[in-house]
Amino acid sequence: ATAADQLGPDLQPVVVAEAGPAEVVRAARAFNAMQQRIAGYLNERMQILAAISHDLQTPITRMRLRVDLMDDMPDADKFRQDLEAMRSLVHEGVNYAKTLQGSDEKVRRLDLDALLRSIVNDYADTGSPVTLDGAAGQPIGTRPHALRRILGNLIDNALKYGQRADVHLRLQAGHCYIDVCDAGPGIPEEQLAAVLQPFYRVEASRNRDTGGSGLGLAIAHQLALSLGGTLRLHNRPEGGLRASLQLPASS
């Protein structure tokens, strides 16, 4: 039961000791084999996704160069926009595949307050309306690069669709809560869970003038799970969307 609970989204197997009575040995052996098969299937799928996404980059680059050489071609700008959208989608596809394949980054103690101040200050330096409220007041055990990427995706999403990003931090009952709120139109209630899935986009409910691959929130969701946390979306009563990240305060 412990091994099953510890089998995270990256599907790194936790080998169960194959010892004890015959029935226990048989169950443990079957469980270990099942873990290996599932991990193998997922790894194969992710390698295919990464390979296709990587190989598409070369022809897209060639097509872009050819379009640039044809300045007198009708609708050249539209071709460039389509190729840029394809390039962005391929790039996000590679990143998503890497996320699902897991990370070798080690868990370490982190000053969460300092990390959030650094991230918010970086956005403020570029003139982006990002604010920070609250504090954890103590270090937590986590993977810093993964957490920074989650927060970057959530803040970018808030700025892109909601004009601003207000970050709220608190420590409560052994968990760390980070909320990223925006002032946008929100998302229909019935689609709040669906937008965390890959390639799902809700342009009609957000901003028709902005694109996106539909992978930013999916990557943040997978990374949150890999940190032993959760990511949930809520529409705020006063308007806008709240992305709530919950993480364990210790490793």
Protein backbone atom coordinates (compact mmCIF):
# COMPACT_ATOMS: atom_id res chain seq x y z
CA ALA A 1 0.00 0.00 0.00
CA THR A 2 2.88 2.37 0.82
CA ALA A 3 4.57 1.65 -2.51
CA ALA A 4 1.31 2.32 -4.37
CA ASP A 5 0.88 5.66 -2.55
CA GLN A 6 4.47 6.65 -3.39
CA LEU A 7 4.09 5.92 -7.10
CA GLY A 8 3.98 9.50 -8.36
CA PRO A 9 3.15 11.02 -11.77
CA ASP A 10 6.71 10.44 -12.98
CA LEU A 11 6.09 6.70 -12.36
CA GLN A 12 9.49 6.07 -10.84
CA PRO A 13 8.95 2.58 -9.34
CA VAL A 14 9.34 1.96 -5.62
CA VAL A 15 10.44 -1.67 -5.46
CA VAL A 16 8.57 -3.80 -2.93
CA ALA A 17 10.61 -6.41 -1.05
CA GLU A 18 9.78 -9.84 -2.46
CA ALA A 19 9.96 -11.72 0.83
CA GLY A 20 7.64 -13.37 3.32
CA PRO A 21 4.85 -15.93 2.87
CA ALA A 22 4.31 -17.31 -0.63
CA GLU A 23 1.16 -15.23 -1.22
CA VAL A 24 2.94 -12.01 -0.19
CA VAL A 25 5.96 -12.80 -2.39
CA ARG A 26 3.69 -13.46 -5.36
CA ALA A 27 1.73 -10.22 -4.84
CA ALA A 28 4.93 -8.18 -4.38
CA ARG A 29 6.48 -9.71 -7.51
CA ALA A 30 3.34 -8.93 -9.55
CA PHE A 31 3.22 -5.36 -8.20
CA ASN A 32 6.87 -4.72 -9.09
CA ALA A 33 6.34 -6.11 -12.59
CA MET A 34 3.25 -3.95 -13.05
CA GLN A 35 5.17 -0.83 -12.03
CA GLN A 36 7.93 -1.60 -14.53
CA ARG A 37 5.46 -2.19 -17.37
CA ILE A 38 3.53 1.03 -16.70
CA ALA A 39 6.75 3.06 -16.47
CA GLY A 40 7.98 1.48 -19.71
CA TYR A 41 4.75 2.24 -21.59
CA LEU A 42 4.73 5.87 -20.43
CA ASN A 43 8.41 6.36 -21.20
CA GLU A 44 7.92 5.01 -24.72
CA ARG A 45 5.01 7.37 -25.36
CA MET A 46 6.94 10.35 -24.06
CA GLN A 47 9.98 9.48 -26.17
CA ILE A 48 7.76 9.35 -29.27
CA LEU A 49 6.23 12.74 -28.42
CA ALA A 50 9.65 14.27 -27.78
CA ALA A 51 11.13 12.78 -30.97
CA ILE A 52 8.27 14.01 -33.18
CA SER A 53 8.35 17.47 -31.60
CA HIS A 54 12.13 17.69 -32.00
CA ASP A 55 12.15 16.50 -35.62
CA LEU A 56 9.45 18.99 -36.61
CA GLN A 57 11.65 21.94 -35.68
CA THR A 58 13.95 21.54 -38.72
CA PRO A 59 11.26 21.66 -41.46
CA ILE A 60 9.49 24.51 -39.67
CA THR A 61 12.74 26.51 -39.66
CA ARG A 62 13.28 25.77 -43.39
CA MET A 63 9.73 26.87 -44.21
CA ARG A 64 10.22 30.10 -42.25
CA LEU A 65 13.41 30.88 -44.17
CA ARG A 66 11.69 30.25 -47.50
CA VAL A 67 8.79 32.52 -46.58
CA ASP A 68 11.25 35.27 -45.58
CA LEU A 69 12.81 35.04 -49.05
CA MET A 70 9.41 35.53 -50.70
CA ASP A 71 8.53 39.05 -49.64
CA ASP A 72 6.24 39.52 -52.63
CA MET A 73 4.25 36.37 -51.84
CA PRO A 74 0.57 37.07 -51.01
CA ASP A 75 -0.35 36.39 -47.39
CA ALA A 76 3.31 36.04 -46.37
CA ASP A 77 2.55 37.51 -42.95
CA LYS A 78 -0.17 34.92 -42.36
CA PHE A 79 2.25 32.13 -43.24
CA ARG A 80 4.76 33.56 -40.74
CA GLN A 81 2.10 33.66 -38.03
CA ASP A 82 1.12 30.04 -38.70
CA LEU A 83 4.74 28.90 -38.64
CA GLU A 84 5.37 30.77 -35.39
CA ALA A 85 2.33 29.08 -33.84
CA MET A 86 3.67 25.69 -34.98
CA ARG A 87 7.12 26.46 -33.58
CA SER A 88 5.64 27.44 -30.22
CA LEU A 89 3.53 24.28 -30.07
CA VAL A 90 6.52 22.07 -30.87
CA HIS A 91 8.60 23.80 -28.21
CA GLU A 92 5.89 23.29 -25.59
CA GLY A 93 5.47 19.67 -26.68
CA VAL A 94 9.13 18.98 -25.97
CA ASN A 95 8.86 20.69 -22.57
CA TYR A 96 5.76 18.68 -21.66
CA ALA A 97 7.44 15.41 -22.61
CA LYS A 98 10.44 16.31 -20.45
CA THR A 99 8.13 17.14 -17.55
CA LEU A 100 6.40 13.75 -17.72
CA GLN A 101 9.71 11.93 -17.90
CA GLY A 102 10.58 13.28 -14.47
CA SER A 103 13.52 15.25 -13.13
CA ASP A 104 16.83 14.43 -11.50
CA GLU A 105 16.64 17.59 -9.38
CA LYS A 106 17.08 16.80 -5.70
CA VAL A 107 14.83 18.02 -2.90
CA ARG A 108 16.52 20.59 -0.67
CA ARG A 109 15.67 23.15 1.97
CA LEU A 110 14.51 26.41 0.42
CA ASP A 111 13.74 29.91 1.69
CA LEU A 112 10.34 30.19 0.01
CA ASP A 113 9.87 33.84 0.99
CA ALA A 114 13.15 34.80 -0.70
CA LEU A 115 12.29 32.80 -3.82
CA LEU A 116 8.89 34.45 -4.23
CA ARG A 117 10.33 37.93 -3.63
CA SER A 118 12.96 37.26 -6.28
CA ILE A 119 10.39 36.07 -8.82
CA VAL A 120 8.01 38.99 -8.17
CA ASN A 121 10.84 41.53 -8.30
CA ASP A 122 11.99 40.13 -11.66
CA TYR A 123 8.51 40.75 -13.10
CA ALA A 124 8.29 44.18 -11.47
CA ASP A 125 11.62 45.17 -13.06
CA THR A 126 10.03 44.63 -16.48
CA GLY A 127 6.98 46.72 -15.59
CA SER A 128 4.60 43.78 -15.12
CA PRO A 129 1.83 44.31 -12.52
CA VAL A 130 2.79 41.48 -10.12
CA THR A 131 2.42 41.81 -6.33
CA LEU A 132 3.24 39.61 -3.33
CA ASP A 133 1.36 39.30 -0.05
CA GLY A 134 2.04 37.07 2.96
CA ALA A 135 4.98 34.92 4.03
CA ALA A 136 5.82 31.34 4.94
CA GLY A 137 8.17 32.35 7.74
CA GLN A 138 10.25 29.18 7.51
CA PRO A 139 12.14 27.11 4.91
CA ILE A 140 10.41 24.23 3.14
CA GLY A 141 11.73 21.09 1.47
CA THR A 142 11.12 21.08 -2.29
CA ARG A 143 12.78 21.15 -5.74
CA PRO A 144 13.54 24.83 -6.42
CA HIS A 145 13.74 24.78 -10.23
CA ALA A 146 10.48 22.86 -10.56
CA LEU A 147 8.72 25.23 -8.15
CA ARG A 148 10.09 28.29 -9.96
CA ARG A 149 8.78 26.90 -13.24
CA ILE A 150 5.31 26.28 -11.78
CA LEU A 151 5.10 29.81 -10.43
CA GLY A 152 6.43 31.28 -13.67
CA ASN A 153 3.75 29.46 -15.68
CA LEU A 154 0.97 30.57 -13.31
CA ILE A 155 2.09 34.21 -13.25
CA ASP A 156 2.57 34.31 -17.03
CA ASN A 157 -0.91 32.85 -17.45
CA ALA A 158 -2.41 35.46 -15.11
CA LEU A 159 -0.69 38.32 -16.93
CA LYS A 160 -1.64 36.98 -20.34
CA TYR A 161 -5.33 36.48 -19.64
CA GLY A 162 -6.03 38.53 -16.51
CA GLN A 163 -3.99 41.77 -16.85
CA ARG A 164 -2.27 41.33 -13.46
CA ALA A 165 -0.98 38.70 -11.02
CA ASP A 166 -1.45 38.97 -7.24
CA VAL A 167 0.54 36.29 -5.38
CA HIS A 168 -0.61 35.30 -1.88
CA LEU A 169 1.47 33.04 0.37
CA ARG A 170 0.66 31.37 3.67
CA LEU A 171 1.74 28.40 5.79
CA GLN A 172 -1.01 26.42 7.47
CA ALA A 173 -1.31 22.96 9.09
CA GLY A 174 1.94 21.66 7.68
CA HIS A 175 1.20 22.81 4.13
CA CYS A 176 2.29 25.79 2.08
CA TYR A 177 -0.40 27.57 0.04
CA ILE A 178 0.46 29.84 -2.88
CA ASP A 179 -2.41 31.55 -4.69
CA VAL A 180 -1.95 33.42 -7.97
CA CYS A 181 -4.97 35.65 -8.69
CA ASP A 182 -5.79 37.66 -11.79
CA ALA A 183 -8.46 40.14 -12.88
CA GLY A 184 -9.56 38.39 -16.07
CA PRO A 185 -12.89 36.89 -17.15
CA GLY A 186 -12.28 33.56 -15.41
CA ILE A 187 -13.16 30.12 -16.80
CA PRO A 188 -16.56 28.37 -16.98
CA GLU A 189 -17.00 26.19 -13.88
CA GLU A 190 -17.45 23.01 -15.89
CA GLN A 191 -14.06 23.51 -17.60
CA LEU A 192 -11.88 24.34 -14.57
CA ALA A 193 -10.55 20.77 -14.32
CA ALA A 194 -10.27 20.26 -18.08
CA VAL A 195 -7.87 23.19 -18.61
CA LEU A 196 -5.24 21.34 -16.57
CA GLN A 197 -5.14 18.66 -19.25
CA PRO A 198 -2.66 18.96 -22.15
CA PHE A 199 -3.67 20.84 -25.31
CA TYR A 200 -6.98 22.01 -23.81
CA ARG A 201 -7.70 25.66 -24.55
CA VAL A 202 -10.60 27.91 -23.56
CA GLU A 203 -10.01 30.88 -25.81
CA ALA A 204 -13.69 31.86 -25.88
CA SER A 205 -13.74 32.35 -22.11
CA ARG A 206 -10.36 34.05 -21.83
CA ASN A 207 -8.97 36.26 -24.56
CA ARG A 208 -9.66 35.73 -28.26
CA ASP A 209 -6.64 37.82 -29.25
CA THR A 210 -4.12 35.52 -27.54
CA GLY A 211 -3.06 32.07 -28.57
CA GLY A 212 -1.21 29.41 -26.69
CA SER A 213 -0.51 25.72 -26.92
CA GLY A 214 -2.70 24.64 -24.04
CA LEU A 215 0.32 23.13 -22.26
CA GLY A 216 1.35 25.79 -19.74
CA LEU A 217 -1.17 24.79 -17.06
CA ALA A 218 -0.72 21.09 -17.86
CA ILE A 219 3.03 21.38 -17.23
CA ALA A 220 2.41 23.28 -13.97
CA HIS A 221 -0.11 20.62 -12.91
CA GLN A 222 2.30 17.74 -13.56
CA LEU A 223 5.14 19.50 -11.77
CA ALA A 224 2.91 20.18 -8.76
CA LEU A 225 2.04 16.48 -8.56
CA SER A 226 5.73 15.56 -8.80
CA LEU A 227 6.39 17.79 -5.76
CA GLY A 228 3.72 15.96 -3.77
CA GLY A 229 1.33 18.91 -4.10
CA THR A 230 -1.85 19.86 -5.91
CA LEU A 231 -2.89 22.61 -8.31
CA ARG A 232 -6.51 23.70 -8.50
CA LEU A 233 -8.31 26.55 -10.26
CA HIS A 234 -11.20 28.58 -8.84
CA ASN A 235 -13.25 31.49 -10.11
CA ARG A 236 -13.10 34.39 -7.65
CA PRO A 237 -16.43 35.87 -6.44
CA GLU A 238 -15.10 39.36 -7.15
CA GLY A 239 -14.04 38.31 -10.66
CA GLY A 240 -10.93 36.72 -12.11
CA LEU A 241 -9.25 33.37 -11.62
CA ARG A 242 -7.35 31.98 -8.63
CA ALA A 243 -4.75 29.27 -9.21
CA SER A 244 -4.12 27.56 -5.85
CA LEU A 245 -0.90 25.62 -5.37
CA GLN A 246 -0.67 23.47 -2.23
CA LEU A 247 2.68 21.96 -1.27
CA PRO A 248 3.91 19.99 1.73
CA ALA A 249 5.97 22.20 4.02
CA SER A 250 8.62 19.48 4.34
CA SER A 251 10.02 16.80 2.06
